[in-house]
Structure formats: structure tokens, C-alpha cells
Amino acid sequence: MLVIGIAGGSGSGKTTVVKAICEKLHKRVVVIPQDCYYKDSSDLTDEEKRVHNFDHPDSIEWDLLCSQLKDLKAGKTIEQPVYSIITCTRSKTEKTIVKPADVIIIEGILIFTCKPLRNQMDIKVFVDADDDDRLMRVMERDISERGKDVHWVIERYSRTVKPMYLQFIEPSKRYADIIIPQGGHNKVAIDMLTATVEKHLEKKD
């Protein structure tokens, strides 16, 4: 089993990199998104949710994520939490059943900030991109997929996204084994990464 961590700022192109690996490996890979492990915020008012900092490491339930990754590596099936980015709540009844696979991808902006989680990774990849490019992607995503307006996106970016990137996410790049510049547009780097994974699986087979 190979565990790959894919980190990078919001809008850097992590999803594109993950998708490329999944398309190559098909059913041999399972993806564990950091976003599923946000702590439940259903007790917050709408105004409190608006100003809540979701880009700080304290917003993630790391113990649960680390524990479930250990279970997957031990060949056990897990019940992954279901979290809604739109309502900021974790479902109390719904779970996602995730079975072990040859390749496990942990994906999220903050995953390299957690040492116990880093220590479980075989390959650590940081997807890098210019600040302007990331802002444009975040704006497009939050407006089209999450129903936010331009004012909300810019306010959140200035208040939490950019400061937390500079404080926690960008410094975590030093833990990466591989850095992919130009984000998801770097086809050469993505092809090299997928080739490395495929070579590992060939040895395993």
C-alpha cells in the first residue's frame, strides 16, 4: 500500500492532480479528503460561520483522520464522516464507507501541518500556484459551487485564506518530497508523479 499526501493552497490545483492519478489507476486508488474531517460547526450562528476560520489547523479533527488512515493501512474498512462545506455541519447519521486500496491519497490544504499524519505518508506532494491564479479559482469555485457572492469571497480571502496560507500552508511546503509548480496545469510533473506511482504498483504486483 502506498500513501500519498497532496497539499497546497486553496485553488492551487490539487483536485486536478488527484483526478489525473485516479484516471490512471482507476479502482486501485481511494481518496481521503481533509475536508471530510472538519469539526462540526452546527452550533454556530450564520454570522459566526461567516467569520469562522476554516483554514486553521485547529478546524480539523486530526485524531480521527490519523486513526482512520491507520485502519485503512491495516486493511480495515472505515466509516468516513460526511461534512457539508455549505452548511458547515457534519452529518450525525450519514457516513461514507471506504475500503482499503493499493494507493491512498490524502488531499487537503493543511495535511502537512499534522506531524502524525505526515509520518504515515510515503510520498508528500505540494501543488504550488501563483496567488492571483489561486484567488481566481477560489472565486470561481465558491460562486458557482457554493452559492457565495464576490464580496464574500474577497472578504474571506483577505481575512483568513491568505493569512493562513502564509502562516501554515506555504511553510509546510518544506515537508514535500515533490513540488508541482503551476498547479494543475503542469502536465509534465503530473505525468511524472503518476509514472512513479505506477512503477511502485508494478513492483508490488
N, C-alpha and C. Protein backbone atom coordinates (compact mmCIF):
# COMPACT_ATOMS: atom_id res chain seq x y z
N MET A 1 0.84 -1.19 0.00
CA MET A 1 0.00 0.00 0.00
C MET A 1 0.88 1.25 0.00
N LEU A 2 0.49 2.23 -0.82
CA LEU A 2 1.23 3.48 -0.95
C LEU A 2 0.33 4.63 -0.50
N VAL A 3 0.82 5.44 0.44
CA VAL A 3 0.04 6.58 0.92
C VAL A 3 0.67 7.86 0.38
N ILE A 4 -0.12 8.63 -0.36
CA ILE A 4 0.35 9.87 -0.97
C ILE A 4 -0.40 11.05 -0.36
N GLY A 5 0.34 12.03 0.13
CA GLY A 5 -0.26 13.26 0.62
C GLY A 5 -0.15 14.34 -0.43
N ILE A 6 -1.26 14.99 -0.75
CA ILE A 6 -1.25 16.06 -1.75
C ILE A 6 -1.81 17.32 -1.10
N ALA A 7 -0.91 18.30 -0.87
CA ALA A 7 -1.27 19.54 -0.19
C ALA A 7 -1.07 20.73 -1.14
N GLY A 8 -1.42 21.92 -0.64
CA GLY A 8 -1.30 23.13 -1.44
C GLY A 8 -2.41 24.08 -1.03
N GLY A 9 -2.27 25.33 -1.38
CA GLY A 9 -3.27 26.32 -1.02
C GLY A 9 -4.59 26.11 -1.72
N SER A 10 -5.64 26.77 -1.22
CA SER A 10 -6.95 26.73 -1.87
C SER A 10 -6.82 27.25 -3.30
N GLY A 11 -7.36 26.48 -4.25
CA GLY A 11 -7.32 26.89 -5.65
C GLY A 11 -6.00 26.64 -6.35
N SER A 12 -5.11 25.84 -5.74
CA SER A 12 -3.80 25.60 -6.34
C SER A 12 -3.84 24.56 -7.46
N GLY A 13 -4.86 23.72 -7.46
CA GLY A 13 -4.95 22.68 -8.48
C GLY A 13 -4.81 21.27 -7.93
N LYS A 14 -4.97 21.12 -6.62
CA LYS A 14 -4.86 19.79 -6.00
C LYS A 14 -5.84 18.80 -6.61
N THR A 15 -7.07 19.24 -6.80
CA THR A 15 -8.11 18.35 -7.34
C THR A 15 -7.73 17.84 -8.73
N THR A 16 -7.12 18.70 -9.54
CA THR A 16 -6.69 18.30 -10.89
C THR A 16 -5.63 17.21 -10.82
N VAL A 17 -4.68 17.37 -9.89
CA VAL A 17 -3.62 16.38 -9.72
C VAL A 17 -4.20 15.05 -9.24
N VAL A 18 -5.08 15.11 -8.25
CA VAL A 18 -5.72 13.90 -7.73
C VAL A 18 -6.52 13.19 -8.82
N LYS A 19 -7.26 13.96 -9.59
CA LYS A 19 -8.08 13.39 -10.67
C LYS A 19 -7.21 12.68 -11.70
N ALA A 20 -6.05 13.27 -12.02
CA ALA A 20 -5.15 12.67 -13.00
C ALA A 20 -4.63 11.31 -12.52
N ILE A 21 -4.29 11.24 -11.24
CA ILE A 21 -3.80 9.96 -10.69
C ILE A 21 -4.93 8.93 -10.69
N CYS A 22 -6.11 9.34 -10.29
CA CYS A 22 -7.26 8.42 -10.25
C CYS A 22 -7.61 7.89 -11.63
N GLU A 23 -7.51 8.74 -12.65
CA GLU A 23 -7.82 8.30 -14.01
C GLU A 23 -6.83 7.25 -14.49
N LYS A 24 -5.59 7.35 -14.03
CA LYS A 24 -4.56 6.37 -14.42
C LYS A 24 -4.73 5.05 -13.69
N LEU A 25 -5.09 5.14 -12.41
CA LEU A 25 -5.08 3.94 -11.56
C LEU A 25 -6.45 3.31 -11.37
N HIS A 26 -7.49 4.03 -11.75
CA HIS A 26 -8.86 3.52 -11.70
C HIS A 26 -9.22 3.03 -10.29
N LYS A 27 -9.54 1.76 -10.16
CA LYS A 27 -10.06 1.23 -8.89
C LYS A 27 -8.97 0.92 -7.87
N ARG A 28 -7.73 1.18 -8.20
CA ARG A 28 -6.64 0.84 -7.27
C ARG A 28 -6.33 1.97 -6.30
N VAL A 29 -7.10 3.05 -6.37
CA VAL A 29 -6.83 4.22 -5.53
C VAL A 29 -8.09 4.66 -4.79
N VAL A 30 -7.91 5.14 -3.58
CA VAL A 30 -9.00 5.73 -2.82
C VAL A 30 -8.53 7.10 -2.31
N VAL A 31 -9.43 8.06 -2.32
CA VAL A 31 -9.08 9.44 -1.93
C VAL A 31 -9.73 9.78 -0.58
N ILE A 32 -8.92 10.29 0.33
CA ILE A 32 -9.41 10.73 1.63
C ILE A 32 -9.27 12.26 1.70
N PRO A 33 -10.37 13.00 1.52
CA PRO A 33 -10.29 14.47 1.57
C PRO A 33 -10.22 14.98 3.00
N GLN A 34 -9.30 15.88 3.25
CA GLN A 34 -9.22 16.54 4.56
C GLN A 34 -10.54 17.19 4.93
N ASP A 35 -11.26 17.73 3.94
CA ASP A 35 -12.49 18.46 4.21
C ASP A 35 -13.55 17.63 4.93
N CYS A 36 -13.49 16.31 4.80
CA CYS A 36 -14.47 15.46 5.48
C CYS A 36 -14.28 15.48 7.00
N TYR A 37 -13.12 15.93 7.44
CA TYR A 37 -12.77 15.85 8.86
C TYR A 37 -12.83 17.21 9.57
N TYR A 38 -13.50 18.19 8.95
CA TYR A 38 -13.75 19.44 9.65
C TYR A 38 -14.61 19.16 10.88
N LYS A 39 -14.30 19.85 11.96
CA LYS A 39 -15.11 19.71 13.17
C LYS A 39 -16.50 20.29 12.92
N ASP A 40 -17.49 19.68 13.51
CA ASP A 40 -18.86 20.13 13.32
C ASP A 40 -19.05 21.55 13.84
N SER A 41 -19.70 22.39 13.03
CA SER A 41 -19.93 23.78 13.42
C SER A 41 -21.42 24.12 13.43
N SER A 42 -22.25 23.11 13.62
CA SER A 42 -23.70 23.32 13.56
C SER A 42 -24.21 24.20 14.70
N ASP A 43 -23.39 24.32 15.76
CA ASP A 43 -23.82 25.14 16.90
C ASP A 43 -23.57 26.63 16.68
N LEU A 44 -22.87 26.96 15.59
CA LEU A 44 -22.58 28.37 15.31
C LEU A 44 -23.74 29.05 14.60
N THR A 45 -23.91 30.34 14.84
CA THR A 45 -24.91 31.11 14.11
C THR A 45 -24.39 31.37 12.70
N ASP A 46 -25.26 31.84 11.81
CA ASP A 46 -24.85 32.14 10.44
C ASP A 46 -23.74 33.18 10.42
N GLU A 47 -23.83 34.17 11.30
CA GLU A 47 -22.81 35.21 11.34
C GLU A 47 -21.49 34.65 11.86
N GLU A 48 -21.56 33.76 12.84
CA GLU A 48 -20.35 33.13 13.37
C GLU A 48 -19.69 32.24 12.32
N LYS A 49 -20.51 31.55 11.53
CA LYS A 49 -19.97 30.72 10.45
C LYS A 49 -19.28 31.58 9.39
N ARG A 50 -19.85 32.75 9.18
CA ARG A 50 -19.30 33.66 8.16
C ARG A 50 -17.87 34.08 8.49
N VAL A 51 -17.59 34.25 9.78
CA VAL A 51 -16.26 34.73 10.18
C VAL A 51 -15.39 33.61 10.74
N HIS A 52 -15.91 32.39 10.78
CA HIS A 52 -15.14 31.26 11.33
C HIS A 52 -13.93 30.96 10.44
N ASN A 53 -12.82 30.62 11.07
CA ASN A 53 -11.58 30.36 10.33
C ASN A 53 -11.46 28.87 10.01
N PHE A 54 -11.80 28.51 8.79
CA PHE A 54 -11.73 27.11 8.35
C PHE A 54 -10.36 26.76 7.76
N ASP A 55 -9.44 27.72 7.77
CA ASP A 55 -8.12 27.48 7.20
C ASP A 55 -7.05 27.34 8.28
N HIS A 56 -7.48 27.20 9.52
CA HIS A 56 -6.56 27.00 10.64
C HIS A 56 -6.50 25.51 10.98
N PRO A 57 -5.33 24.98 11.32
CA PRO A 57 -5.23 23.55 11.65
C PRO A 57 -6.18 23.09 12.74
N ASP A 58 -6.55 23.99 13.65
CA ASP A 58 -7.45 23.61 14.74
C ASP A 58 -8.87 23.29 14.27
N SER A 59 -9.17 23.60 13.01
CA SER A 59 -10.52 23.33 12.50
C SER A 59 -10.71 21.88 12.08
N ILE A 60 -9.62 21.10 12.07
CA ILE A 60 -9.66 19.72 11.60
C ILE A 60 -9.55 18.74 12.77
N GLU A 61 -10.31 17.65 12.71
CA GLU A 61 -10.22 16.59 13.72
C GLU A 61 -9.12 15.61 13.31
N TRP A 62 -7.89 15.98 13.61
CA TRP A 62 -6.72 15.21 13.15
C TRP A 62 -6.67 13.81 13.75
N ASP A 63 -7.07 13.67 15.00
CA ASP A 63 -7.00 12.35 15.64
C ASP A 63 -7.84 11.33 14.88
N LEU A 64 -9.03 11.74 14.46
CA LEU A 64 -9.91 10.83 13.72
C LEU A 64 -9.31 10.50 12.36
N LEU A 65 -8.79 11.50 11.66
CA LEU A 65 -8.20 11.28 10.35
C LEU A 65 -7.01 10.33 10.44
N CYS A 66 -6.12 10.56 11.41
CA CYS A 66 -4.95 9.70 11.58
C CYS A 66 -5.36 8.28 11.93
N SER A 67 -6.36 8.15 12.80
CA SER A 67 -6.83 6.84 13.23
C SER A 67 -7.44 6.06 12.06
N GLN A 68 -8.24 6.76 11.25
CA GLN A 68 -8.88 6.06 10.13
C GLN A 68 -7.87 5.70 9.04
N LEU A 69 -6.85 6.52 8.87
CA LEU A 69 -5.80 6.16 7.91
C LEU A 69 -5.05 4.92 8.38
N LYS A 70 -4.77 4.84 9.68
CA LYS A 70 -4.11 3.66 10.23
C LYS A 70 -4.95 2.41 9.99
N ASP A 71 -6.27 2.54 10.16
CA ASP A 71 -7.16 1.41 9.94
C ASP A 71 -7.12 0.96 8.48
N LEU A 72 -7.13 1.90 7.55
CA LEU A 72 -7.05 1.56 6.13
C LEU A 72 -5.74 0.84 5.82
N LYS A 73 -4.65 1.33 6.39
CA LYS A 73 -3.35 0.71 6.16
C LYS A 73 -3.29 -0.70 6.75
N ALA A 74 -4.13 -0.93 7.76
CA ALA A 74 -4.19 -2.26 8.38
C ALA A 74 -5.19 -3.17 7.67
N GLY A 75 -5.77 -2.67 6.57
CA GLY A 75 -6.69 -3.49 5.80
C GLY A 75 -8.13 -3.44 6.27
N LYS A 76 -8.45 -2.45 7.11
CA LYS A 76 -9.80 -2.34 7.65
C LYS A 76 -10.63 -1.32 6.86
N THR A 77 -11.93 -1.55 6.80
CA THR A 77 -12.86 -0.60 6.18
C THR A 77 -13.23 0.46 7.21
N ILE A 78 -13.36 1.71 6.76
CA ILE A 78 -13.69 2.80 7.67
C ILE A 78 -15.02 3.44 7.31
N GLU A 79 -15.58 4.17 8.27
CA GLU A 79 -16.78 4.97 8.06
C GLU A 79 -16.36 6.44 8.09
N GLN A 80 -16.15 6.99 6.91
CA GLN A 80 -15.65 8.36 6.80
C GLN A 80 -16.77 9.36 7.10
N PRO A 81 -16.47 10.43 7.84
CA PRO A 81 -17.50 11.44 8.12
C PRO A 81 -17.99 12.11 6.84
N VAL A 82 -19.20 12.60 6.90
CA VAL A 82 -19.77 13.37 5.78
C VAL A 82 -19.97 14.80 6.28
N TYR A 83 -19.27 15.73 5.64
CA TYR A 83 -19.30 17.13 6.07
C TYR A 83 -19.77 18.01 4.92
N SER A 84 -20.64 18.96 5.24
CA SER A 84 -21.14 19.89 4.23
C SER A 84 -20.41 21.23 4.36
N ILE A 85 -19.67 21.59 3.32
CA ILE A 85 -18.98 22.88 3.30
C ILE A 85 -19.99 24.03 3.29
N ILE A 86 -21.16 23.80 2.68
CA ILE A 86 -22.16 24.85 2.53
C ILE A 86 -22.81 25.18 3.87
N THR A 87 -23.18 24.14 4.65
CA THR A 87 -23.86 24.37 5.93
C THR A 87 -22.90 24.33 7.12
N CYS A 88 -21.64 23.93 6.88
CA CYS A 88 -20.62 23.84 7.94
C CYS A 88 -21.01 22.83 9.02
N THR A 89 -21.66 21.75 8.61
CA THR A 89 -22.10 20.74 9.57
C THR A 89 -21.65 19.34 9.15
N ARG A 90 -21.40 18.51 10.16
CA ARG A 90 -21.07 17.10 9.92
C ARG A 90 -22.33 16.28 10.18
N SER A 91 -22.65 15.41 9.27
CA SER A 91 -23.85 14.59 9.42
C SER A 91 -23.72 13.67 10.63
N LYS A 92 -24.78 13.58 11.41
CA LYS A 92 -24.79 12.71 12.58
C LYS A 92 -25.20 11.28 12.23
N THR A 93 -25.77 11.10 11.04
CA THR A 93 -26.27 9.78 10.65
C THR A 93 -25.57 9.21 9.41
N GLU A 94 -25.23 10.07 8.47
CA GLU A 94 -24.66 9.60 7.21
C GLU A 94 -23.15 9.42 7.31
N LYS A 95 -22.66 8.30 6.76
CA LYS A 95 -21.23 8.01 6.70
C LYS A 95 -20.89 7.50 5.30
N THR A 96 -19.63 7.65 4.91
CA THR A 96 -19.16 7.10 3.63
C THR A 96 -18.28 5.89 3.93
N ILE A 97 -18.67 4.75 3.39
CA ILE A 97 -17.89 3.54 3.58
C ILE A 97 -16.69 3.55 2.64
N VAL A 98 -15.49 3.47 3.19
CA VAL A 98 -14.26 3.50 2.41
C VAL A 98 -13.48 2.22 2.68
N LYS A 99 -13.16 1.50 1.60
CA LYS A 99 -12.41 0.26 1.73
C LYS A 99 -10.94 0.49 1.40
N PRO A 100 -10.06 -0.34 1.93
CA PRO A 100 -8.61 -0.20 1.63
C PRO A 100 -8.34 -0.35 0.14
N ALA A 101 -7.27 0.27 -0.33
CA ALA A 101 -6.87 0.18 -1.73
C ALA A 101 -5.35 0.17 -1.81
N ASP A 102 -4.83 -0.13 -3.00
CA ASP A 102 -3.37 -0.17 -3.18
C ASP A 102 -2.74 1.20 -2.96
N VAL A 103 -3.49 2.26 -3.35
CA VAL A 103 -3.00 3.63 -3.19
C VAL A 103 -4.03 4.45 -2.43
N ILE A 104 -3.59 5.10 -1.38
CA ILE A 104 -4.45 6.00 -0.62
C ILE A 104 -3.92 7.42 -0.80
N ILE A 105 -4.79 8.32 -1.25
CA ILE A 105 -4.41 9.73 -1.43
C ILE A 105 -5.09 10.55 -0.34
N ILE A 106 -4.29 11.23 0.47
CA ILE A 106 -4.82 12.18 1.45
C ILE A 106 -4.68 13.57 0.83
N GLU A 107 -5.79 14.28 0.70
CA GLU A 107 -5.76 15.56 -0.02
C GLU A 107 -6.33 16.68 0.84
N GLY A 108 -5.60 17.81 0.93
CA GLY A 108 -6.12 18.93 1.69
C GLY A 108 -5.08 20.01 1.90
N ILE A 109 -5.54 21.20 2.23
CA ILE A 109 -4.64 22.35 2.34
C ILE A 109 -3.71 22.26 3.54
N LEU A 110 -4.15 21.57 4.61
CA LEU A 110 -3.42 21.61 5.87
C LEU A 110 -2.76 20.29 6.26
N ILE A 111 -2.79 19.29 5.41
CA ILE A 111 -2.39 17.94 5.82
C ILE A 111 -0.92 17.84 6.22
N PHE A 112 -0.06 18.72 5.73
CA PHE A 112 1.36 18.65 6.11
C PHE A 112 1.64 19.34 7.45
N THR A 113 0.63 20.00 8.02
CA THR A 113 0.83 20.67 9.30
C THR A 113 0.69 19.69 10.47
N CYS A 114 0.20 18.49 10.20
CA CYS A 114 -0.02 17.49 11.24
C CYS A 114 1.08 16.42 11.15
N LYS A 115 2.00 16.44 12.11
CA LYS A 115 3.14 15.52 12.07
C LYS A 115 2.73 14.04 12.09
N PRO A 116 1.81 13.62 12.98
CA PRO A 116 1.41 12.20 12.97
C PRO A 116 0.84 11.75 11.63
N LEU A 117 0.16 12.66 10.94
CA LEU A 117 -0.38 12.33 9.62
C LEU A 117 0.74 12.27 8.59
N ARG A 118 1.64 13.25 8.63
CA ARG A 118 2.79 13.25 7.70
C ARG A 118 3.59 11.96 7.82
N ASN A 119 3.75 11.49 9.05
CA ASN A 119 4.57 10.31 9.28
C ASN A 119 3.98 9.04 8.68
N GLN A 120 2.71 9.09 8.32
CA GLN A 120 2.07 7.93 7.70
C GLN A 120 2.13 7.97 6.17
N MET A 121 2.68 9.06 5.63
CA MET A 121 2.72 9.23 4.18
C MET A 121 4.03 8.71 3.59
N ASP A 122 3.93 8.06 2.43
CA ASP A 122 5.11 7.57 1.72
C ASP A 122 5.65 8.63 0.76
N ILE A 123 4.73 9.38 0.14
CA ILE A 123 5.11 10.45 -0.80
C ILE A 123 4.31 11.69 -0.44
N LYS A 124 5.00 12.81 -0.31
CA LYS A 124 4.33 14.07 0.01
C LYS A 124 4.50 15.04 -1.16
N VAL A 125 3.38 15.49 -1.69
CA VAL A 125 3.36 16.35 -2.88
C VAL A 125 2.73 17.69 -2.52
N PHE A 126 3.40 18.78 -2.88
CA PHE A 126 2.85 20.11 -2.68
C PHE A 126 2.55 20.73 -4.04
N VAL A 127 1.28 21.08 -4.26
CA VAL A 127 0.87 21.69 -5.52
C VAL A 127 0.93 23.21 -5.34
N ASP A 128 1.81 23.84 -6.09
CA ASP A 128 2.08 25.27 -5.95
C ASP A 128 1.43 26.05 -7.08
N ALA A 129 1.05 27.29 -6.80
CA ALA A 129 0.46 28.15 -7.84
C ALA A 129 0.56 29.59 -7.39
N ASP A 130 0.54 30.51 -8.35
CA ASP A 130 0.59 31.94 -8.04
C ASP A 130 -0.65 32.36 -7.26
N ASP A 131 -0.46 33.36 -6.38
CA ASP A 131 -1.57 33.83 -5.55
C ASP A 131 -2.76 34.29 -6.39
N ASP A 132 -2.49 35.02 -7.47
CA ASP A 132 -3.57 35.54 -8.31
C ASP A 132 -4.36 34.40 -8.94
N ASP A 133 -3.65 33.36 -9.41
CA ASP A 133 -4.33 32.21 -10.01
C ASP A 133 -5.21 31.50 -8.98
N ARG A 134 -4.67 31.35 -7.77
CA ARG A 134 -5.44 30.67 -6.73
C ARG A 134 -6.70 31.45 -6.36
N LEU A 135 -6.55 32.77 -6.25
CA LEU A 135 -7.70 33.61 -5.91
C LEU A 135 -8.80 33.48 -6.97
N MET A 136 -8.41 33.51 -8.23
CA MET A 136 -9.40 33.40 -9.31
C MET A 136 -10.13 32.05 -9.26
N ARG A 137 -9.39 30.98 -8.97
CA ARG A 137 -10.02 29.65 -8.90
C ARG A 137 -10.94 29.54 -7.69
N VAL A 138 -10.49 30.09 -6.55
CA VAL A 138 -11.32 30.08 -5.35
C VAL A 138 -12.60 30.87 -5.61
N MET A 139 -12.47 32.01 -6.25
CA MET A 139 -13.63 32.85 -6.55
C MET A 139 -14.62 32.11 -7.45
N GLU A 140 -14.10 31.50 -8.51
CA GLU A 140 -14.96 30.77 -9.44
C GLU A 140 -15.67 29.60 -8.74
N ARG A 141 -14.92 28.85 -7.91
CA ARG A 141 -15.49 27.69 -7.22
C ARG A 141 -16.55 28.09 -6.20
N ASP A 142 -16.23 29.09 -5.37
CA ASP A 142 -17.15 29.45 -4.30
C ASP A 142 -18.43 30.09 -4.82
N ILE A 143 -18.33 30.78 -5.95
CA ILE A 143 -19.52 31.41 -6.53
C ILE A 143 -20.39 30.37 -7.25
N SER A 144 -19.76 29.52 -8.05
CA SER A 144 -20.52 28.56 -8.86
C SER A 144 -20.98 27.33 -8.08
N GLU A 145 -20.14 26.86 -7.12
CA GLU A 145 -20.46 25.61 -6.42
C GLU A 145 -21.03 25.82 -5.02
N ARG A 146 -20.73 26.96 -4.40
CA ARG A 146 -21.12 27.15 -3.01
C ARG A 146 -22.08 28.32 -2.80
N GLY A 147 -22.50 28.94 -3.90
CA GLY A 147 -23.51 29.98 -3.82
C GLY A 147 -23.08 31.27 -3.14
N LYS A 148 -21.77 31.55 -3.12
CA LYS A 148 -21.28 32.77 -2.48
C LYS A 148 -21.21 33.91 -3.50
N ASP A 149 -21.17 35.15 -2.99
CA ASP A 149 -21.01 36.28 -3.91
C ASP A 149 -19.56 36.77 -3.88
N VAL A 150 -19.24 37.64 -4.82
CA VAL A 150 -17.86 38.12 -4.97
C VAL A 150 -17.37 38.81 -3.70
N HIS A 151 -18.22 39.62 -3.09
CA HIS A 151 -17.84 40.34 -1.86
C HIS A 151 -17.46 39.35 -0.77
N TRP A 152 -18.25 38.30 -0.59
CA TRP A 152 -17.99 37.30 0.45
C TRP A 152 -16.66 36.61 0.21
N VAL A 153 -16.40 36.23 -1.05
CA VAL A 153 -15.17 35.52 -1.38
C VAL A 153 -13.94 36.38 -1.10
N ILE A 154 -13.98 37.63 -1.54
CA ILE A 154 -12.84 38.54 -1.34
C ILE A 154 -12.62 38.82 0.14
N GLU A 155 -13.71 39.00 0.88
CA GLU A 155 -13.61 39.25 2.32
C GLU A 155 -12.96 38.06 3.03
N ARG A 156 -13.43 36.85 2.71
CA ARG A 156 -12.89 35.65 3.35
C ARG A 156 -11.43 35.43 2.95
N TYR A 157 -11.12 35.69 1.69
CA TYR A 157 -9.75 35.50 1.22
C TYR A 157 -8.80 36.43 1.98
N SER A 158 -9.22 37.67 2.16
CA SER A 158 -8.37 38.65 2.84
C SER A 158 -8.27 38.38 4.34
N ARG A 159 -9.38 37.91 4.93
CA ARG A 159 -9.43 37.74 6.38
C ARG A 159 -8.75 36.45 6.85
N THR A 160 -8.97 35.34 6.13
CA THR A 160 -8.43 34.06 6.61
C THR A 160 -7.61 33.28 5.59
N VAL A 161 -8.08 33.19 4.35
CA VAL A 161 -7.42 32.32 3.38
C VAL A 161 -5.96 32.72 3.15
N LYS A 162 -5.72 33.97 2.82
CA LYS A 162 -4.35 34.41 2.55
C LYS A 162 -3.48 34.39 3.80
N PRO A 163 -3.94 34.96 4.94
CA PRO A 163 -3.11 34.92 6.15
C PRO A 163 -2.76 33.50 6.60
N MET A 164 -3.73 32.58 6.53
CA MET A 164 -3.47 31.20 6.96
C MET A 164 -2.55 30.48 5.98
N TYR A 165 -2.65 30.85 4.71
CA TYR A 165 -1.73 30.28 3.72
C TYR A 165 -0.30 30.67 4.07
N LEU A 166 -0.10 31.93 4.38
CA LEU A 166 1.24 32.42 4.70
C LEU A 166 1.76 31.86 6.03
N GLN A 167 0.85 31.66 6.99
CA GLN A 167 1.27 31.22 8.32
C GLN A 167 1.47 29.70 8.40
N PHE A 168 0.59 28.93 7.75
CA PHE A 168 0.62 27.48 7.93
C PHE A 168 0.91 26.68 6.66
N ILE A 169 0.24 27.03 5.57
CA ILE A 169 0.27 26.18 4.38
C ILE A 169 1.56 26.32 3.60
N GLU A 170 1.93 27.56 3.26
CA GLU A 170 3.16 27.77 2.49
C GLU A 170 4.39 27.24 3.23
N PRO A 171 4.52 27.47 4.55
CA PRO A 171 5.68 26.91 5.27
C PRO A 171 5.71 25.38 5.27
N SER A 172 4.54 24.73 5.15
CA SER A 172 4.51 23.27 5.17
C SER A 172 5.08 22.67 3.89
N LYS A 173 5.36 23.53 2.92
CA LYS A 173 5.94 23.07 1.65
C LYS A 173 7.30 22.42 1.87
N ARG A 174 7.97 22.78 2.97
CA ARG A 174 9.30 22.24 3.22
C ARG A 174 9.27 20.73 3.51
N TYR A 175 8.10 20.22 3.83
CA TYR A 175 7.99 18.78 4.09
C TYR A 175 7.77 17.96 2.81
N ALA A 176 7.55 18.63 1.70
CA ALA A 176 7.20 17.93 0.46
C ALA A 176 8.39 17.21 -0.15
N ASP A 177 8.14 16.04 -0.69
CA ASP A 177 9.14 15.32 -1.48
C ASP A 177 9.13 15.83 -2.92
N ILE A 178 7.95 16.24 -3.36
CA ILE A 178 7.76 16.71 -4.74
C ILE A 178 6.95 18.00 -4.70
N ILE A 179 7.40 19.02 -5.43
CA ILE A 179 6.65 20.26 -5.56
C ILE A 179 6.25 20.42 -7.02
N ILE A 180 4.96 20.59 -7.25
CA ILE A 180 4.45 20.77 -8.61
C ILE A 180 4.12 22.24 -8.82
N PRO A 181 4.99 22.96 -9.54
CA PRO A 181 4.70 24.38 -9.82
C PRO A 181 3.63 24.50 -10.90
N GLN A 182 3.01 25.66 -10.98
CA GLN A 182 1.96 25.94 -11.97
C GLN A 182 0.70 25.12 -11.72
N GLY A 183 0.60 24.58 -10.52
CA GLY A 183 -0.62 23.88 -10.13
C GLY A 183 -1.01 22.75 -11.06
N GLY A 184 -2.31 22.65 -11.27
CA GLY A 184 -2.85 21.57 -12.08
C GLY A 184 -2.56 21.69 -13.56
N HIS A 185 -1.92 22.81 -13.97
CA HIS A 185 -1.60 22.99 -15.39
C HIS A 185 -0.30 22.29 -15.78
N ASN A 186 0.46 21.82 -14.79
CA ASN A 186 1.77 21.24 -15.07
C ASN A 186 1.63 19.77 -15.43
N LYS A 187 1.33 19.51 -16.68
CA LYS A 187 1.08 18.14 -17.14
C LYS A 187 2.33 17.27 -17.03
N VAL A 188 3.50 17.84 -17.28
CA VAL A 188 4.74 17.07 -17.22
C VAL A 188 4.97 16.53 -15.80
N ALA A 189 4.82 17.40 -14.81
CA ALA A 189 5.02 16.99 -13.43
C ALA A 189 3.98 15.96 -13.00
N ILE A 190 2.74 16.16 -13.41
CA ILE A 190 1.67 15.22 -13.06
C ILE A 190 1.94 13.85 -13.69
N ASP A 191 2.39 13.85 -14.94
CA ASP A 191 2.72 12.59 -15.62
C ASP A 191 3.87 11.88 -14.92
N MET A 192 4.85 12.65 -14.46
CA MET A 192 5.99 12.04 -13.75
C MET A 192 5.53 11.43 -12.43
N LEU A 193 4.63 12.11 -11.74
CA LEU A 193 4.11 11.60 -10.47
C LEU A 193 3.32 10.31 -10.69
N THR A 194 2.44 10.31 -11.67
CA THR A 194 1.64 9.10 -11.92
C THR A 194 2.52 7.94 -12.37
N ALA A 195 3.58 8.25 -13.14
CA ALA A 195 4.50 7.19 -13.57
C ALA A 195 5.22 6.58 -12.37
N THR A 196 5.58 7.42 -11.39
CA THR A 196 6.23 6.93 -10.17
C THR A 196 5.30 5.99 -9.40
N VAL A 197 4.05 6.37 -9.31
CA VAL A 197 3.07 5.54 -8.61
C VAL A 197 2.85 4.22 -9.34
N GLU A 198 2.73 4.30 -10.66
CA GLU A 198 2.53 3.09 -11.45
C GLU A 198 3.73 2.13 -11.32
N LYS A 199 4.93 2.70 -11.27
CA LYS A 199 6.13 1.87 -11.11
C LYS A 199 6.11 1.17 -9.77
N HIS A 200 5.69 1.87 -8.73
CA HIS A 200 5.59 1.27 -7.39
C HIS A 200 4.61 0.10 -7.41
N LEU A 201 3.48 0.28 -8.08
CA LEU A 201 2.47 -0.77 -8.13
C LEU A 201 2.94 -1.98 -8.94
N GLU A 202 3.72 -1.71 -9.99
CA GLU A 202 4.26 -2.82 -10.79
C GLU A 202 5.20 -3.68 -9.96
N LYS A 203 6.00 -3.03 -9.10
CA LYS A 203 6.90 -3.78 -8.23
C LYS A 203 6.09 -4.61 -7.24
N LYS A 204 4.99 -4.02 -6.76
CA LYS A 204 4.14 -4.71 -5.79
C LYS A 204 3.50 -5.94 -6.44
N ASP A 205 3.08 -5.78 -7.70
CA ASP A 205 2.42 -6.89 -8.41
C ASP A 205 3.40 -8.03 -8.70
